[in-house]
Amino acid sequence: QVQLVESGGGVVQPGGSLRLSCAASRSTFSFYSMDWYRQAPGKQRELVATIIRDSRTNYEDSVKDRFTISRDDAKNMVYLGMNSLKPEDTAVYYCHAAVASVDYWGQGTQVTVSS
């Protein structure tokens, strides 16, 4: 079992920045990959960013060069740095990990980009 708890969401103006954090209840050292997803109202959940154990990363096209995913296995944490935020980034952001073929999700944290 793995519990994931996100934090760091909030309301920010367009062009602003936020840093989301995800705390895992057990060591993430063995997790091959961890991800951030988001779900906007009326839309399907979409993959935003992935980080592999060797620190390789992959991003959804609309967030490339604006978002940065990172992990700190010593602290059992994964982060999502978000810069130059746009209104279309407004969504609930979820942390995800697949461990031994089981998908684990956090409860989500709301990010609202609005003037």
PDB file of N, CA and C in Angstrom:
ATOM      1  N   GLN A   1       0.836  -1.191   0.000  1.00  0.00           N
ATOM      2  CA  GLN A   1       0.000   0.000   0.000  1.00  0.00           C
ATOM      3  C   GLN A   1       0.870   1.239   0.000  1.00  0.00           C
ATOM      4  N   VAL A   2       0.421   2.216  -0.759  1.00  0.00           N
ATOM      5  CA  VAL A   2       1.128   3.492  -0.821  1.00  0.00           C
ATOM      6  C   VAL A   2       0.094   4.606  -0.706  1.00  0.00           C
ATOM      7  N   GLN A   3       0.304   5.515   0.209  1.00  0.00           N
ATOM      8  CA  GLN A   3      -0.523   6.728   0.268  1.00  0.00           C
ATOM      9  C   GLN A   3       0.274   7.884  -0.322  1.00  0.00           C
ATOM     10  N   LEU A   4      -0.396   8.663  -1.144  1.00  0.00           N
ATOM     11  CA  LEU A   4       0.207   9.837  -1.758  1.00  0.00           C
ATOM     12  C   LEU A   4      -0.598  11.061  -1.339  1.00  0.00           C
ATOM     13  N   VAL A   5       0.085  12.072  -0.874  1.00  0.00           N
ATOM     14  CA  VAL A   5      -0.582  13.287  -0.402  1.00  0.00           C
ATOM     15  C   VAL A   5       0.022  14.493  -1.104  1.00  0.00           C
ATOM     16  N   GLU A   6      -0.819  15.182  -1.873  1.00  0.00           N
ATOM     17  CA  GLU A   6      -0.377  16.373  -2.587  1.00  0.00           C
ATOM     18  C   GLU A   6      -0.601  17.622  -1.742  1.00  0.00           C
ATOM     19  N   SER A   7       0.201  18.635  -2.033  1.00  0.00           N
ATOM     20  CA  SER A   7       0.028  19.941  -1.407  1.00  0.00           C
ATOM     21  C   SER A   7       0.619  20.996  -2.325  1.00  0.00           C
ATOM     22  N   GLY A   8       0.298  22.256  -2.034  1.00  0.00           N
ATOM     23  CA  GLY A   8       0.907  23.352  -2.769  1.00  0.00           C
ATOM     24  C   GLY A   8       0.010  24.036  -3.779  1.00  0.00           C
ATOM     25  N   GLY A   9      -1.194  23.536  -3.967  1.00  0.00           N
ATOM     26  CA  GLY A   9      -2.105  24.186  -4.904  1.00  0.00           C
ATOM     27  C   GLY A   9      -2.603  25.514  -4.361  1.00  0.00           C
ATOM     28  N   GLY A  10      -3.302  26.234  -5.215  1.00  0.00           N
ATOM     29  CA  GLY A  10      -3.843  27.521  -4.787  1.00  0.00           C
ATOM     30  C   GLY A  10      -4.315  28.334  -5.972  1.00  0.00           C
ATOM     31  N   VAL A  11      -4.564  29.600  -5.705  1.00  0.00           N
ATOM     32  CA  VAL A  11      -5.006  30.538  -6.740  1.00  0.00           C
ATOM     33  C   VAL A  11      -3.833  31.437  -7.096  1.00  0.00           C
ATOM     34  N   VAL A  12      -3.577  31.585  -8.369  1.00  0.00           N
ATOM     35  CA  VAL A  12      -2.448  32.385  -8.834  1.00  0.00           C
ATOM     36  C   VAL A  12      -2.866  33.145 -10.087  1.00  0.00           C
ATOM     37  N   GLN A  13      -2.274  34.300 -10.286  1.00  0.00           N
ATOM     38  CA  GLN A  13      -2.573  35.092 -11.479  1.00  0.00           C
ATOM     39  C   GLN A  13      -1.855  34.517 -12.693  1.00  0.00           C
ATOM     40  N   PRO A  14      -2.375  34.769 -13.876  1.00  0.00           N
ATOM     41  CA  PRO A  14      -1.659  34.339 -15.091  1.00  0.00           C
ATOM     42  C   PRO A  14      -0.226  34.864 -15.089  1.00  0.00           C
ATOM     43  N   GLY A  15       0.696  33.994 -15.480  1.00  0.00           N
ATOM     44  CA  GLY A  15       2.112  34.334 -15.458  1.00  0.00           C
ATOM     45  C   GLY A  15       2.802  33.996 -14.156  1.00  0.00           C
ATOM     46  N   GLY A  16       2.032  33.608 -13.160  1.00  0.00           N
ATOM     47  CA  GLY A  16       2.595  33.284 -11.858  1.00  0.00           C
ATOM     48  C   GLY A  16       3.168  31.877 -11.789  1.00  0.00           C
ATOM     49  N   SER A  17       3.609  31.524 -10.590  1.00  0.00           N
ATOM     50  CA  SER A  17       4.266  30.229 -10.373  1.00  0.00           C
ATOM     51  C   SER A  17       3.706  29.543  -9.136  1.00  0.00           C
ATOM     52  N   LEU A  18       3.759  28.232  -9.163  1.00  0.00           N
ATOM     53  CA  LEU A  18       3.426  27.402  -8.012  1.00  0.00           C
ATOM     54  C   LEU A  18       4.350  26.192  -8.009  1.00  0.00           C
ATOM     55  N   ARG A  19       4.533  25.612  -6.833  1.00  0.00           N
ATOM     56  CA  ARG A  19       5.268  24.361  -6.715  1.00  0.00           C
ATOM     57  C   ARG A  19       4.402  23.361  -5.958  1.00  0.00           C
ATOM     58  N   LEU A  20       4.052  22.287  -6.638  1.00  0.00           N
ATOM     59  CA  LEU A  20       3.280  21.226  -6.011  1.00  0.00           C
ATOM     60  C   LEU A  20       4.221  20.184  -5.419  1.00  0.00           C
ATOM     61  N   SER A  21       3.803  19.617  -4.293  1.00  0.00           N
ATOM     62  CA  SER A  21       4.573  18.565  -3.641  1.00  0.00           C
ATOM     63  C   SER A  21       3.690  17.333  -3.466  1.00  0.00           C
ATOM     64  N   CYS A  22       4.321  16.175  -3.517  1.00  0.00           N
ATOM     65  CA  CYS A  22       3.628  14.911  -3.290  1.00  0.00           C
ATOM     66  C   CYS A  22       4.471  14.080  -2.339  1.00  0.00           C
ATOM     67  N   ALA A  23       3.895  13.764  -1.190  1.00  0.00           N
ATOM     68  CA  ALA A  23       4.590  12.970  -0.189  1.00  0.00           C
ATOM     69  C   ALA A  23       4.069  11.540  -0.226  1.00  0.00           C
ATOM     70  N   ALA A  24       4.979  10.590  -0.325  1.00  0.00           N
ATOM     71  CA  ALA A  24       4.622   9.172  -0.331  1.00  0.00           C
ATOM     72  C   ALA A  24       4.801   8.587   1.061  1.00  0.00           C
ATOM     73  N   SER A  25       3.983   7.589   1.376  1.00  0.00           N
ATOM     74  CA  SER A  25       3.993   7.010   2.721  1.00  0.00           C
ATOM     75  C   SER A  25       5.086   5.966   2.909  1.00  0.00           C
ATOM     76  N   ARG A  26       5.774   5.616   1.837  1.00  0.00           N
ATOM     77  CA  ARG A  26       6.881   4.673   1.941  1.00  0.00           C
ATOM     78  C   ARG A  26       7.970   5.088   0.960  1.00  0.00           C
ATOM     79  N   SER A  27       9.096   4.425   1.059  1.00  0.00           N
ATOM     80  CA  SER A  27      10.230   4.793   0.224  1.00  0.00           C
ATOM     81  C   SER A  27       9.881   4.756  -1.259  1.00  0.00           C
ATOM     82  N   THR A  28      10.246   5.814  -1.949  1.00  0.00           N
ATOM     83  CA  THR A  28      10.011   5.890  -3.396  1.00  0.00           C
ATOM     84  C   THR A  28      11.214   5.408  -4.197  1.00  0.00           C
ATOM     85  N   PHE A  29      12.244   4.999  -3.493  1.00  0.00           N
ATOM     86  CA  PHE A  29      13.489   4.637  -4.179  1.00  0.00           C
ATOM     87  C   PHE A  29      13.262   3.560  -5.221  1.00  0.00           C
ATOM     88  N   SER A  30      12.359   2.619  -4.926  1.00  0.00           N
ATOM     89  CA  SER A  30      12.134   1.499  -5.846  1.00  0.00           C
ATOM     90  C   SER A  30      11.059   1.785  -6.899  1.00  0.00           C
ATOM     91  N   PHE A  31      10.415   2.945  -6.805  1.00  0.00           N
ATOM     92  CA  PHE A  31       9.361   3.268  -7.772  1.00  0.00           C
ATOM     93  C   PHE A  31      10.016   3.588  -9.112  1.00  0.00           C
ATOM     94  N   TYR A  32       9.666   2.831 -10.134  1.00  0.00           N
ATOM     95  CA  TYR A  32      10.297   3.073 -11.431  1.00  0.00           C
ATOM     96  C   TYR A  32       9.963   4.476 -11.946  1.00  0.00           C
ATOM     97  N   SER A  33       8.724   4.874 -11.834  1.00  0.00           N
ATOM     98  CA  SER A  33       8.335   6.202 -12.313  1.00  0.00           C
ATOM     99  C   SER A  33       7.263   6.785 -11.405  1.00  0.00           C
ATOM    100  N   MET A  34       7.191   8.101 -11.415  1.00  0.00           N
ATOM    101  CA  MET A  34       6.120   8.819 -10.746  1.00  0.00           C
ATOM    102  C   MET A  34       5.638   9.901 -11.688  1.00  0.00           C
ATOM    103  N   ASP A  35       4.377  10.255 -11.540  1.00  0.00           N
ATOM    104  CA  ASP A  35       3.761  11.154 -12.508  1.00  0.00           C
ATOM    105  C   ASP A  35       2.890  12.197 -11.825  1.00  0.00           C
ATOM    106  N   TRP A  36       2.646  13.257 -12.566  1.00  0.00           N
ATOM    107  CA  TRP A  36       1.596  14.213 -12.232  1.00  0.00           C
ATOM    108  C   TRP A  36       0.568  14.196 -13.358  1.00  0.00           C
ATOM    109  N   TYR A  37      -0.689  14.093 -12.967  1.00  0.00           N
ATOM    110  CA  TYR A  37      -1.814  14.211 -13.882  1.00  0.00           C
ATOM    111  C   TYR A  37      -2.621  15.445 -13.477  1.00  0.00           C
ATOM    112  N   ARG A  38      -3.507  15.861 -14.376  1.00  0.00           N
ATOM    113  CA  ARG A  38      -4.456  16.917 -14.026  1.00  0.00           C
ATOM    114  C   ARG A  38      -5.794  16.651 -14.686  1.00  0.00           C
ATOM    115  N   GLN A  39      -6.836  17.188 -14.054  1.00  0.00           N
ATOM    116  CA  GLN A  39      -8.180  17.049 -14.606  1.00  0.00           C
ATOM    117  C   GLN A  39      -8.909  18.367 -14.451  1.00  0.00           C
ATOM    118  N   ALA A  40      -9.239  18.954 -15.587  1.00  0.00           N
ATOM    119  CA  ALA A  40     -10.001  20.192 -15.609  1.00  0.00           C
ATOM    120  C   ALA A  40     -11.494  19.862 -15.636  1.00  0.00           C
ATOM    121  N   PRO A  41     -12.336  20.781 -15.206  1.00  0.00           N
ATOM    122  CA  PRO A  41     -13.789  20.521 -15.205  1.00  0.00           C
ATOM    123  C   PRO A  41     -14.288  20.120 -16.586  1.00  0.00           C
ATOM    124  N   GLY A  42     -15.022  19.023 -16.639  1.00  0.00           N
ATOM    125  CA  GLY A  42     -15.602  18.563 -17.899  1.00  0.00           C
ATOM    126  C   GLY A  42     -14.635  17.893 -18.848  1.00  0.00           C
ATOM    127  N   LYS A  43     -13.404  17.684 -18.385  1.00  0.00           N
ATOM    128  CA  LYS A  43     -12.391  17.071 -19.257  1.00  0.00           C
ATOM    129  C   LYS A  43     -11.857  15.794 -18.618  1.00  0.00           C
ATOM    130  N   GLN A  44     -11.225  14.965 -19.456  1.00  0.00           N
ATOM    131  CA  GLN A  44     -10.608  13.746 -18.954  1.00  0.00           C
ATOM    132  C   GLN A  44      -9.305  14.060 -18.244  1.00  0.00           C
ATOM    133  N   ARG A  45      -8.941  13.177 -17.331  1.00  0.00           N
ATOM    134  CA  ARG A  45      -7.654  13.314 -16.657  1.00  0.00           C
ATOM    135  C   ARG A  45      -6.550  13.103 -17.682  1.00  0.00           C
ATOM    136  N   GLU A  46      -5.526  13.972 -17.641  1.00  0.00           N
ATOM    137  CA  GLU A  46      -4.432  13.874 -18.600  1.00  0.00           C
ATOM    138  C   GLU A  46      -3.090  13.846 -17.886  1.00  0.00           C
ATOM    139  N   LEU A  47      -2.157  13.143 -18.523  1.00  0.00           N
ATOM    140  CA  LEU A  47      -0.796  13.049 -17.987  1.00  0.00           C
ATOM    141  C   LEU A  47      -0.063  14.349 -18.280  1.00  0.00           C
ATOM    142  N   VAL A  48       0.526  14.926 -17.263  1.00  0.00           N
ATOM    143  CA  VAL A  48       1.241  16.195 -17.396  1.00  0.00           C
ATOM    144  C   VAL A  48       2.746  15.980 -17.465  1.00  0.00           C
ATOM    145  N   ALA A  49       3.266  15.163 -16.556  1.00  0.00           N
ATOM    146  CA  ALA A  49       4.707  14.976 -16.491  1.00  0.00           C
ATOM    147  C   ALA A  49       5.031  13.654 -15.815  1.00  0.00           C
ATOM    148  N   THR A  50       6.145  13.050 -16.249  1.00  0.00           N
ATOM    149  CA  THR A  50       6.625  11.784 -15.699  1.00  0.00           C
ATOM    150  C   THR A  50       8.097  11.906 -15.389  1.00  0.00           C
ATOM    151  N   ILE A  51       8.519  11.300 -14.284  1.00  0.00           N
ATOM    152  CA  ILE A  51       9.943  11.215 -13.980  1.00  0.00           C
ATOM    153  C   ILE A  51      10.288   9.763 -13.699  1.00  0.00           C
ATOM    154  N   ILE A  52      11.327   9.289 -14.378  1.00  0.00           N
ATOM    155  CA  ILE A  52      11.795   7.923 -14.229  1.00  0.00           C
ATOM    156  C   ILE A  52      12.833   7.887 -13.102  1.00  0.00           C
ATOM    157  N   ARG A  53      13.099   6.696 -12.587  1.00  0.00           N
ATOM    158  CA  ARG A  53      14.021   6.546 -11.455  1.00  0.00           C
ATOM    159  C   ARG A  53      15.403   7.130 -11.753  1.00  0.00           C
ATOM    160  N   ASP A  54      15.825   7.076 -13.036  1.00  0.00           N
ATOM    161  CA  ASP A  54      17.146   7.625 -13.377  1.00  0.00           C
ATOM    162  C   ASP A  54      17.080   9.117 -13.693  1.00  0.00           C
ATOM    163  N   SER A  55      15.948   9.730 -13.361  1.00  0.00           N
ATOM    164  CA  SER A  55      15.700  11.167 -13.507  1.00  0.00           C
ATOM    165  C   SER A  55      15.385  11.610 -14.927  1.00  0.00           C
ATOM    166  N   ARG A  56      15.190  10.684 -15.831  1.00  0.00           N
ATOM    167  CA  ARG A  56      14.672  11.085 -17.134  1.00  0.00           C
ATOM    168  C   ARG A  56      13.250  11.597 -16.953  1.00  0.00           C
ATOM    169  N   THR A  57      12.891  12.594 -17.753  1.00  0.00           N
ATOM    170  CA  THR A  57      11.571  13.207 -17.624  1.00  0.00           C
ATOM    171  C   THR A  57      10.852  13.264 -18.970  1.00  0.00           C
ATOM    172  N   ASN A  58       9.544  13.391 -18.894  1.00  0.00           N
ATOM    173  CA  ASN A  58       8.738  13.544 -20.099  1.00  0.00           C
ATOM    174  C   ASN A  58       7.570  14.457 -19.751  1.00  0.00           C
ATOM    175  N   TYR A  59       7.211  15.327 -20.705  1.00  0.00           N
ATOM    176  CA  TYR A  59       6.173  16.323 -20.448  1.00  0.00           C
ATOM    177  C   TYR A  59       5.128  16.338 -21.553  1.00  0.00           C
ATOM    178  N   GLU A  60       3.925  16.671 -21.159  1.00  0.00           N
ATOM    179  CA  GLU A  60       2.870  16.945 -22.131  1.00  0.00           C
ATOM    180  C   GLU A  60       3.256  18.213 -22.875  1.00  0.00           C
ATOM    181  N   ASP A  61       2.941  18.268 -24.160  1.00  0.00           N
ATOM    182  CA  ASP A  61       3.453  19.354 -25.010  1.00  0.00           C
ATOM    183  C   ASP A  61       3.122  20.741 -24.476  1.00  0.00           C
ATOM    184  N   SER A  62       1.921  20.934 -23.938  1.00  0.00           N
ATOM    185  CA  SER A  62       1.503  22.282 -23.559  1.00  0.00           C
ATOM    186  C   SER A  62       2.234  22.814 -22.324  1.00  0.00           C
ATOM    187  N   VAL A  63       2.943  21.940 -21.595  1.00  0.00           N
ATOM    188  CA  VAL A  63       3.635  22.403 -20.388  1.00  0.00           C
ATOM    189  C   VAL A  63       5.152  22.377 -20.532  1.00  0.00           C
ATOM    190  N   LYS A  64       5.636  21.873 -21.657  1.00  0.00           N
ATOM    191  CA  LYS A  64       7.089  21.846 -21.872  1.00  0.00           C
ATOM    192  C   LYS A  64       7.655  23.247 -21.743  1.00  0.00           C
ATOM    193  N   ASP A  65       8.806  23.348 -21.134  1.00  0.00           N
ATOM    194  CA  ASP A  65       9.527  24.613 -20.921  1.00  0.00           C
ATOM    195  C   ASP A  65       8.870  25.505 -19.875  1.00  0.00           C
ATOM    196  N   ARG A  66       7.749  25.057 -19.297  1.00  0.00           N
ATOM    197  CA  ARG A  66       7.115  25.830 -18.220  1.00  0.00           C
ATOM    198  C   ARG A  66       7.082  25.052 -16.908  1.00  0.00           C
ATOM    199  N   PHE A  67       6.900  23.734 -16.994  1.00  0.00           N
ATOM    200  CA  PHE A  67       6.798  22.886 -15.808  1.00  0.00           C
ATOM    201  C   PHE A  67       8.060  22.054 -15.661  1.00  0.00           C
ATOM    202  N   THR A  68       8.400  21.742 -14.416  1.00  0.00           N
ATOM    203  CA  THR A  68       9.559  20.894 -14.127  1.00  0.00           C
ATOM    204  C   THR A  68       9.176  19.872 -13.065  1.00  0.00           C
ATOM    205  N   ILE A  69       9.329  18.597 -13.404  1.00  0.00           N
ATOM    206  CA  ILE A  69       9.083  17.533 -12.435  1.00  0.00           C
ATOM    207  C   ILE A  69      10.418  17.086 -11.846  1.00  0.00           C
ATOM    208  N   SER A  70      10.415  16.815 -10.556  1.00  0.00           N
ATOM    209  CA  SER A  70      11.627  16.345  -9.900  1.00  0.00           C
ATOM    210  C   SER A  70      11.223  15.384  -8.782  1.00  0.00           C
ATOM    211  N   ARG A  71      12.185  14.608  -8.315  1.00  0.00           N
ATOM    212  CA  ARG A  71      11.921  13.667  -7.235  1.00  0.00           C
ATOM    213  C   ARG A  71      13.086  13.676  -6.268  1.00  0.00           C
ATOM    214  N   ASP A  72      12.792  13.427  -5.006  1.00  0.00           N
ATOM    215  CA  ASP A  72      13.803  13.301  -3.962  1.00  0.00           C
ATOM    216  C   ASP A  72      13.493  12.012  -3.220  1.00  0.00           C
ATOM    217  N   ASP A  73      14.129  10.942  -3.630  1.00  0.00           N
ATOM    218  CA  ASP A  73      13.831   9.634  -3.044  1.00  0.00           C
ATOM    219  C   ASP A  73      14.272   9.548  -1.583  1.00  0.00           C
ATOM    220  N   ALA A  74      15.201  10.363  -1.194  1.00  0.00           N
ATOM    221  CA  ALA A  74      15.638  10.362   0.210  1.00  0.00           C
ATOM    222  C   ALA A  74      14.532  10.885   1.124  1.00  0.00           C
ATOM    223  N   LYS A  75      13.651  11.718   0.554  1.00  0.00           N
ATOM    224  CA  LYS A  75      12.555  12.295   1.319  1.00  0.00           C
ATOM    225  C   LYS A  75      11.198  11.712   0.924  1.00  0.00           C
ATOM    226  N   ASN A  76      11.202  10.778  -0.006  1.00  0.00           N
ATOM    227  CA  ASN A  76       9.950  10.174  -0.498  1.00  0.00           C
ATOM    228  C   ASN A  76       9.018  11.214  -1.091  1.00  0.00           C
ATOM    229  N   MET A  77       9.592  12.103  -1.883  1.00  0.00           N
ATOM    230  CA  MET A  77       8.841  13.233  -2.415  1.00  0.00           C
ATOM    231  C   MET A  77       8.990  13.316  -3.934  1.00  0.00           C
ATOM    232  N   VAL A  78       7.940  13.843  -4.560  1.00  0.00           N
ATOM    233  CA  VAL A  78       8.016  14.241  -5.963  1.00  0.00           C
ATOM    234  C   VAL A  78       7.400  15.631  -6.057  1.00  0.00           C
ATOM    235  N   TYR A  79       7.927  16.443  -6.938  1.00  0.00           N
ATOM    236  CA  TYR A  79       7.530  17.844  -7.035  1.00  0.00           C
ATOM    237  C   TYR A  79       7.137  18.196  -8.471  1.00  0.00           C
ATOM    238  N   LEU A  80       6.338  19.229  -8.595  1.00  0.00           N
ATOM    239  CA  LEU A  80       6.035  19.791  -9.912  1.00  0.00           C
ATOM    240  C   LEU A  80       6.143  21.306  -9.805  1.00  0.00           C
ATOM    241  N   GLY A  81       7.195  21.854 -10.379  1.00  0.00           N
ATOM    242  CA  GLY A  81       7.355  23.292 -10.456  1.00  0.00           C
ATOM    243  C   GLY A  81       6.629  23.812 -11.683  1.00  0.00           C
ATOM    244  N   MET A  82       5.816  24.845 -11.478  1.00  0.00           N
ATOM    245  CA  MET A  82       5.004  25.360 -12.585  1.00  0.00           C
ATOM    246  C   MET A  82       5.250  26.865 -12.714  1.00  0.00           C
ATOM    247  N   ASN A  83       5.732  27.275 -13.861  1.00  0.00           N
ATOM    248  CA  ASN A  83       5.986  28.686 -14.148  1.00  0.00           C
ATOM    249  C   ASN A  83       5.121  29.147 -15.310  1.00  0.00           C
ATOM    250  N   SER A  84       5.032  30.452 -15.463  1.00  0.00           N
ATOM    251  CA  SER A  84       4.264  31.046 -16.571  1.00  0.00           C
ATOM    252  C   SER A  84       2.889  30.416 -16.688  1.00  0.00           C
ATOM    253  N   LEU A  85       2.208  30.319 -15.576  1.00  0.00           N
ATOM    254  CA  LEU A  85       0.911  29.641 -15.549  1.00  0.00           C
ATOM    255  C   LEU A  85      -0.124  30.379 -16.382  1.00  0.00           C
ATOM    256  N   LYS A  86      -0.977  29.598 -17.008  1.00  0.00           N
ATOM    257  CA  LYS A  86      -2.029  30.112 -17.881  1.00  0.00           C
ATOM    258  C   LYS A  86      -3.394  29.691 -17.344  1.00  0.00           C
ATOM    259  N   PRO A  87      -4.437  30.411 -17.688  1.00  0.00           N
ATOM    260  CA  PRO A  87      -5.779  29.996 -17.231  1.00  0.00           C
ATOM    261  C   PRO A  87      -6.115  28.553 -17.613  1.00  0.00           C
ATOM    262  N   GLU A  88      -5.614  28.105 -18.744  1.00  0.00           N
ATOM    263  CA  GLU A  88      -5.894  26.722 -19.173  1.00  0.00           C
ATOM    264  C   GLU A  88      -5.159  25.669 -18.353  1.00  0.00           C
ATOM    265  N   ASP A  89      -4.277  26.102 -17.450  1.00  0.00           N
ATOM    266  CA  ASP A  89      -3.642  25.166 -16.521  1.00  0.00           C
ATOM    267  C   ASP A  89      -4.532  24.890 -15.310  1.00  0.00           C
ATOM    268  N   THR A  90      -5.635  25.602 -15.197  1.00  0.00           N
ATOM    269  CA  THR A  90      -6.553  25.398 -14.074  1.00  0.00           C
ATOM    270  C   THR A  90      -7.090  23.978 -14.082  1.00  0.00           C
ATOM    271  N   ALA A  91      -6.915  23.276 -12.963  1.00  0.00           N
ATOM    272  CA  ALA A  91      -7.315  21.871 -12.865  1.00  0.00           C
ATOM    273  C   ALA A  91      -7.022  21.369 -11.455  1.00  0.00           C
ATOM    274  N   VAL A  92      -7.510  20.180 -11.184  1.00  0.00           N
ATOM    275  CA  VAL A  92      -7.061  19.446 -10.003  1.00  0.00           C
ATOM    276  C   VAL A  92      -5.859  18.614 -10.441  1.00  0.00           C
ATOM    277  N   TYR A  93      -4.775  18.743  -9.709  1.00  0.00           N
ATOM    278  CA  TYR A  93      -3.532  18.039 -10.032  1.00  0.00           C
ATOM    279  C   TYR A  93      -3.371  16.844  -9.096  1.00  0.00           C
ATOM    280  N   TYR A  94      -3.068  15.688  -9.699  1.00  0.00           N
ATOM    281  CA  TYR A  94      -2.960  14.440  -8.966  1.00  0.00           C
ATOM    282  C   TYR A  94      -1.563  13.847  -9.105  1.00  0.00           C
ATOM    283  N   CYS A  95      -1.058  13.347  -8.020  1.00  0.00           N
ATOM    284  CA  CYS A  95       0.178  12.583  -8.005  1.00  0.00           C
ATOM    285  C   CYS A  95      -0.169  11.111  -8.237  1.00  0.00           C
ATOM    286  N   HIS A  96       0.670  10.414  -8.984  1.00  0.00           N
ATOM    287  CA  HIS A  96       0.402   9.009  -9.324  1.00  0.00           C
ATOM    288  C   HIS A  96       1.690   8.206  -9.270  1.00  0.00           C
ATOM    289  N   ALA A  97       1.546   6.964  -8.814  1.00  0.00           N
ATOM    290  CA  ALA A  97       2.647   6.008  -8.867  1.00  0.00           C
ATOM    291  C   ALA A  97       2.056   4.633  -9.164  1.00  0.00           C
ATOM    292  N   ALA A  98       2.768   3.881  -9.995  1.00  0.00           N
ATOM    293  CA  ALA A  98       2.391   2.496 -10.276  1.00  0.00           C
ATOM    294  C   ALA A  98       3.422   1.602  -9.605  1.00  0.00           C
ATOM    295  N   VAL A  99       2.988   0.816  -8.629  1.00  0.00           N
ATOM    296  CA  VAL A  99       3.903  -0.019  -7.860  1.00  0.00           C
ATOM    297  C   VAL A  99       3.387  -1.455  -7.917  1.00  0.00           C
ATOM    298  N   ALA A 100       4.227  -2.340  -8.428  1.00  0.00           N
ATOM    299  CA  ALA A 100       3.847  -3.754  -8.550  1.00  0.00           C
ATOM    300  C   ALA A 100       2.504  -3.889  -9.263  1.00  0.00           C
ATOM    301  N   SER A 101       2.361  -3.144 -10.360  1.00  0.00           N
ATOM    302  CA  SER A 101       1.177  -3.190 -11.213  1.00  0.00           C
ATOM    303  C   SER A 101      -0.081  -2.642 -10.557  1.00  0.00           C
ATOM    304  N   VAL A 102       0.058  -1.955  -9.454  1.00  0.00           N
ATOM    305  CA  VAL A 102      -1.084  -1.309  -8.795  1.00  0.00           C
ATOM    306  C   VAL A 102      -0.929   0.201  -8.932  1.00  0.00           C
ATOM    307  N   ASP A 103      -1.998   0.862  -9.330  1.00  0.00           N
ATOM    308  CA  ASP A 103      -1.989   2.316  -9.471  1.00  0.00           C
ATOM    309  C   ASP A 103      -2.400   2.969  -8.162  1.00  0.00           C
ATOM    310  N   TYR A 104      -1.594   3.935  -7.738  1.00  0.00           N
ATOM    311  CA  TYR A 104      -1.892   4.701  -6.530  1.00  0.00           C
ATOM    312  C   TYR A 104      -2.054   6.162  -6.903  1.00  0.00           C
ATOM    313  N   TRP A 105      -3.063   6.799  -6.302  1.00  0.00           N
ATOM    314  CA  TRP A 105      -3.366   8.200  -6.580  1.00  0.00           C
ATOM    315  C   TRP A 105      -3.487   8.981  -5.280  1.00  0.00           C
ATOM    316  N   GLY A 106      -3.083  10.238  -5.347  1.00  0.00           N
ATOM    317  CA  GLY A 106      -3.370  11.126  -4.239  1.00  0.00           C
ATOM    318  C   GLY A 106      -4.778  11.667  -4.363  1.00  0.00           C
ATOM    319  N   GLN A 107      -5.149  12.517  -3.396  1.00  0.00           N
ATOM    320  CA  GLN A 107      -6.504  13.065  -3.375  1.00  0.00           C
ATOM    321  C   GLN A 107      -6.654  14.275  -4.287  1.00  0.00           C
ATOM    322  N   GLY A 108      -5.532  14.809  -4.740  1.00  0.00           N
ATOM    323  CA  GLY A 108      -5.547  15.944  -5.655  1.00  0.00           C
ATOM    324  C   GLY A 108      -5.411  17.271  -4.945  1.00  0.00           C
ATOM    325  N   THR A 109      -4.873  18.241  -5.660  1.00  0.00           N
ATOM    326  CA  THR A 109      -4.769  19.600  -5.153  1.00  0.00           C
ATOM    327  C   THR A 109      -5.207  20.560  -6.257  1.00  0.00           C
ATOM    328  N   GLN A 110      -6.041  21.522  -5.895  1.00  0.00           N
ATOM    329  CA  GLN A 110      -6.630  22.427  -6.886  1.00  0.00           C
ATOM    330  C   GLN A 110      -5.658  23.539  -7.238  1.00  0.00           C
ATOM    331  N   VAL A 111      -5.478  23.754  -8.528  1.00  0.00           N
ATOM    332  CA  VAL A 111      -4.716  24.888  -9.038  1.00  0.00           C
ATOM    333  C   VAL A 111      -5.671  25.734  -9.878  1.00  0.00           C
ATOM    334  N   THR A 112      -5.789  26.999  -9.510  1.00  0.00           N
ATOM    335  CA  THR A 112      -6.654  27.914 -10.241  1.00  0.00           C
ATOM    336  C   THR A 112      -5.823  29.098 -10.702  1.00  0.00           C
ATOM    337  N   VAL A 113      -5.823  29.326 -12.015  1.00  0.00           N
ATOM    338  CA  VAL A 113      -5.089  30.436 -12.595  1.00  0.00           C
ATOM    339  C   VAL A 113      -6.109  31.449 -13.098  1.00  0.00           C
ATOM    340  N   SER A 114      -6.163  32.580 -12.435  1.00  0.00           N
ATOM    341  CA  SER A 114      -7.190  33.561 -12.756  1.00  0.00           C
ATOM    342  C   SER A 114      -6.749  34.944 -12.319  1.00  0.00           C
ATOM    343  N   SER A 115      -7.144  35.938 -13.096  1.00  0.00           N
ATOM    344  CA  SER A 115      -6.860  37.317 -12.713  1.00  0.00           C
ATOM    345  C   SER A 115      -8.020  37.897 -11.901  1.00  0.00           C
TER     346      SER A 115
END
